Amino acid sequence: MGDDFEGREIAIIDLLDRALDKGVFLWGELTLSIADVDLVYVGLKALICSVDTADKMRNAAWYQLVERQRELEA
């Protein structure tokens, strides 16, 4: 993916369009501590995509679940 944009100018809207089309998963953790005592923990998990992409992901996951169930029953 790094070579895809090399030497080209990319508009923010193009990046946003690609991110929404493919989907982006953000995951992060932050812990604030003083003297080895954890005071604040913040966790973030977010999937950012278009409704159409989310629907495709849901359908693909459902199909895999059904296929796995059929294999277990056989």
N, C-alpha and C. Protein backbone atom coordinates (compact mmCIF):
# COMPACT_ATOMS: atom_id res chain seq x y z
N MET A 1 0.82 -1.20 0.00
CA MET A 1 0.00 0.00 0.00
C MET A 1 0.86 1.25 0.00
N GLY A 2 2.08 1.18 0.53
CA GLY A 2 2.92 2.34 0.58
C GLY A 2 3.28 2.86 -0.79
N ASP A 3 3.43 1.98 -1.78
CA ASP A 3 3.78 2.39 -3.13
C ASP A 3 2.60 2.93 -3.91
N ASP A 4 1.38 2.67 -3.47
CA ASP A 4 0.20 3.13 -4.18
C ASP A 4 0.16 4.64 -4.32
N PHE A 5 0.62 5.37 -3.32
CA PHE A 5 0.49 6.82 -3.29
C PHE A 5 1.82 7.52 -3.54
N GLU A 6 2.87 6.78 -3.83
CA GLU A 6 4.18 7.38 -4.00
C GLU A 6 4.22 8.26 -5.24
N GLY A 7 4.64 9.50 -5.06
CA GLY A 7 4.77 10.42 -6.17
C GLY A 7 3.46 11.03 -6.65
N ARG A 8 2.37 10.81 -5.94
CA ARG A 8 1.07 11.37 -6.34
C ARG A 8 0.53 12.25 -5.23
N GLU A 9 -0.19 13.26 -5.63
CA GLU A 9 -0.88 14.10 -4.65
C GLU A 9 -2.25 13.48 -4.41
N ILE A 10 -2.60 13.31 -3.17
CA ILE A 10 -3.87 12.69 -2.81
C ILE A 10 -4.69 13.70 -2.00
N ALA A 11 -5.91 13.89 -2.40
CA ALA A 11 -6.80 14.79 -1.66
C ALA A 11 -7.37 14.05 -0.45
N ILE A 12 -7.68 14.79 0.58
CA ILE A 12 -8.26 14.21 1.79
C ILE A 12 -9.53 13.44 1.46
N ILE A 13 -10.33 13.95 0.55
CA ILE A 13 -11.58 13.27 0.20
C ILE A 13 -11.31 11.92 -0.43
N ASP A 14 -10.22 11.79 -1.19
CA ASP A 14 -9.85 10.50 -1.77
C ASP A 14 -9.46 9.50 -0.69
N LEU A 15 -8.71 9.96 0.30
CA LEU A 15 -8.33 9.09 1.41
C LEU A 15 -9.55 8.66 2.22
N LEU A 16 -10.45 9.60 2.46
CA LEU A 16 -11.67 9.29 3.19
C LEU A 16 -12.54 8.31 2.42
N ASP A 17 -12.65 8.50 1.11
CA ASP A 17 -13.43 7.60 0.28
C ASP A 17 -12.86 6.19 0.32
N ARG A 18 -11.55 6.09 0.22
CA ARG A 18 -10.91 4.76 0.27
C ARG A 18 -11.09 4.11 1.64
N ALA A 19 -10.93 4.89 2.71
CA ALA A 19 -11.09 4.35 4.06
C ALA A 19 -12.51 3.86 4.29
N LEU A 20 -13.51 4.61 3.84
CA LEU A 20 -14.89 4.20 4.03
C LEU A 20 -15.23 2.99 3.17
N ASP A 21 -14.62 2.90 1.99
CA ASP A 21 -14.88 1.78 1.09
C ASP A 21 -14.29 0.49 1.63
N LYS A 22 -13.07 0.54 2.13
CA LYS A 22 -12.38 -0.66 2.61
C LYS A 22 -12.66 -0.92 4.10
N GLY A 23 -12.83 0.14 4.87
CA GLY A 23 -13.01 0.00 6.31
C GLY A 23 -11.68 0.20 7.03
N VAL A 24 -11.74 0.84 8.17
CA VAL A 24 -10.56 1.09 8.99
C VAL A 24 -10.89 0.68 10.42
N PHE A 25 -10.01 -0.10 11.02
CA PHE A 25 -10.20 -0.51 12.41
C PHE A 25 -9.15 0.20 13.26
N LEU A 26 -9.61 0.95 14.24
CA LEU A 26 -8.72 1.66 15.16
C LEU A 26 -8.74 0.97 16.51
N TRP A 27 -7.57 0.78 17.08
CA TRP A 27 -7.48 0.14 18.39
C TRP A 27 -6.35 0.81 19.15
N GLY A 28 -6.64 1.18 20.38
CA GLY A 28 -5.61 1.82 21.19
C GLY A 28 -5.92 1.73 22.67
N GLU A 29 -4.88 1.85 23.45
CA GLU A 29 -5.00 1.84 24.91
C GLU A 29 -4.10 2.92 25.48
N LEU A 30 -4.58 3.52 26.56
CA LEU A 30 -3.81 4.54 27.25
C LEU A 30 -3.99 4.35 28.74
N THR A 31 -2.89 4.28 29.46
CA THR A 31 -2.94 4.15 30.91
C THR A 31 -2.11 5.27 31.53
N LEU A 32 -2.74 6.05 32.39
CA LEU A 32 -2.03 7.09 33.13
C LEU A 32 -1.76 6.57 34.53
N SER A 33 -0.49 6.63 34.91
CA SER A 33 -0.14 6.13 36.24
C SER A 33 0.89 7.04 36.88
N ILE A 34 0.86 7.03 38.21
CA ILE A 34 1.84 7.77 39.01
C ILE A 34 2.39 6.81 40.04
N ALA A 35 3.70 6.71 40.10
CA ALA A 35 4.39 5.84 41.05
C ALA A 35 3.89 4.40 40.94
N ASP A 36 3.78 3.91 39.71
CA ASP A 36 3.33 2.54 39.41
C ASP A 36 1.92 2.24 39.90
N VAL A 37 1.10 3.28 40.08
CA VAL A 37 -0.30 3.11 40.42
C VAL A 37 -1.13 3.61 39.24
N ASP A 38 -1.87 2.67 38.63
CA ASP A 38 -2.70 3.05 37.49
C ASP A 38 -3.88 3.89 37.96
N LEU A 39 -4.00 5.09 37.41
CA LEU A 39 -5.07 6.00 37.80
C LEU A 39 -6.20 6.03 36.77
N VAL A 40 -5.85 6.03 35.50
CA VAL A 40 -6.84 6.15 34.44
C VAL A 40 -6.48 5.17 33.33
N TYR A 41 -7.47 4.43 32.87
CA TYR A 41 -7.30 3.53 31.72
C TYR A 41 -8.35 3.91 30.68
N VAL A 42 -7.90 4.11 29.47
CA VAL A 42 -8.81 4.43 28.36
C VAL A 42 -8.52 3.43 27.25
N GLY A 43 -9.57 2.75 26.80
CA GLY A 43 -9.44 1.81 25.69
C GLY A 43 -10.35 2.24 24.55
N LEU A 44 -9.87 2.06 23.32
CA LEU A 44 -10.65 2.45 22.15
C LEU A 44 -10.60 1.34 21.12
N LYS A 45 -11.76 0.94 20.66
CA LYS A 45 -11.88 0.02 19.54
C LYS A 45 -12.99 0.56 18.66
N ALA A 46 -12.65 0.88 17.41
CA ALA A 46 -13.65 1.48 16.53
C ALA A 46 -13.46 0.96 15.11
N LEU A 47 -14.57 0.66 14.46
CA LEU A 47 -14.58 0.30 13.05
C LEU A 47 -15.23 1.45 12.31
N ILE A 48 -14.49 2.02 11.37
CA ILE A 48 -15.00 3.14 10.60
C ILE A 48 -15.12 2.68 9.15
N CYS A 49 -16.35 2.66 8.66
CA CYS A 49 -16.59 2.25 7.28
C CYS A 49 -17.97 2.74 6.85
N SER A 50 -18.26 2.57 5.58
CA SER A 50 -19.58 2.96 5.09
C SER A 50 -20.60 1.90 5.50
N VAL A 51 -21.86 2.25 5.42
CA VAL A 51 -22.93 1.31 5.76
C VAL A 51 -22.89 0.11 4.82
N ASP A 52 -22.62 0.36 3.54
CA ASP A 52 -22.55 -0.71 2.56
C ASP A 52 -21.42 -1.68 2.89
N THR A 53 -20.25 -1.16 3.26
CA THR A 53 -19.11 -2.00 3.62
C THR A 53 -19.42 -2.79 4.88
N ALA A 54 -20.05 -2.16 5.87
CA ALA A 54 -20.41 -2.86 7.10
C ALA A 54 -21.38 -3.99 6.81
N ASP A 55 -22.33 -3.75 5.91
CA ASP A 55 -23.29 -4.78 5.55
C ASP A 55 -22.59 -5.96 4.86
N LYS A 56 -21.63 -5.66 3.99
CA LYS A 56 -20.87 -6.74 3.33
C LYS A 56 -20.07 -7.54 4.36
N MET A 57 -19.46 -6.84 5.33
CA MET A 57 -18.69 -7.53 6.37
C MET A 57 -19.59 -8.42 7.22
N ARG A 58 -20.77 -7.90 7.55
CA ARG A 58 -21.72 -8.67 8.36
C ARG A 58 -22.16 -9.91 7.62
N ASN A 59 -22.48 -9.77 6.33
CA ASN A 59 -22.91 -10.91 5.54
C ASN A 59 -21.80 -11.95 5.40
N ALA A 60 -20.57 -11.50 5.21
CA ALA A 60 -19.44 -12.43 5.09
C ALA A 60 -19.22 -13.18 6.40
N ALA A 61 -19.32 -12.48 7.52
CA ALA A 61 -19.15 -13.12 8.83
C ALA A 61 -20.28 -14.13 9.08
N TRP A 62 -21.50 -13.78 8.70
CA TRP A 62 -22.63 -14.68 8.87
C TRP A 62 -22.45 -15.93 8.02
N TYR A 63 -22.00 -15.77 6.78
CA TYR A 63 -21.77 -16.90 5.90
C TYR A 63 -20.72 -17.83 6.48
N GLN A 64 -19.62 -17.29 7.01
CA GLN A 64 -18.58 -18.11 7.63
C GLN A 64 -19.11 -18.86 8.84
N LEU A 65 -19.95 -18.21 9.63
CA LEU A 65 -20.53 -18.85 10.80
C LEU A 65 -21.42 -20.02 10.40
N VAL A 66 -22.24 -19.82 9.38
CA VAL A 66 -23.14 -20.89 8.91
C VAL A 66 -22.33 -22.05 8.34
N GLU A 67 -21.29 -21.75 7.58
CA GLU A 67 -20.46 -22.81 7.00
C GLU A 67 -19.74 -23.60 8.10
N ARG A 68 -19.26 -22.92 9.11
CA ARG A 68 -18.60 -23.59 10.23
C ARG A 68 -19.57 -24.49 10.97
N GLN A 69 -20.81 -24.03 11.16
CA GLN A 69 -21.82 -24.83 11.83
C GLN A 69 -22.13 -26.08 11.02
N ARG A 70 -22.22 -25.95 9.70
CA ARG A 70 -22.49 -27.11 8.83
C ARG A 70 -21.37 -28.12 8.91
N GLU A 71 -20.12 -27.65 8.97
CA GLU A 71 -18.98 -28.56 9.09
C GLU A 71 -19.00 -29.31 10.41
N LEU A 72 -19.41 -28.64 11.47
CA LEU A 72 -19.47 -29.30 12.78
C LEU A 72 -20.58 -30.35 12.83
N GLU A 73 -21.66 -30.09 12.13
CA GLU A 73 -22.78 -31.03 12.13
C GLU A 73 -22.51 -32.24 11.24
N ALA A 74 -21.62 -32.12 10.28
CA ALA A 74 -21.34 -33.23 9.35
C ALA A 74 -20.48 -34.31 9.98
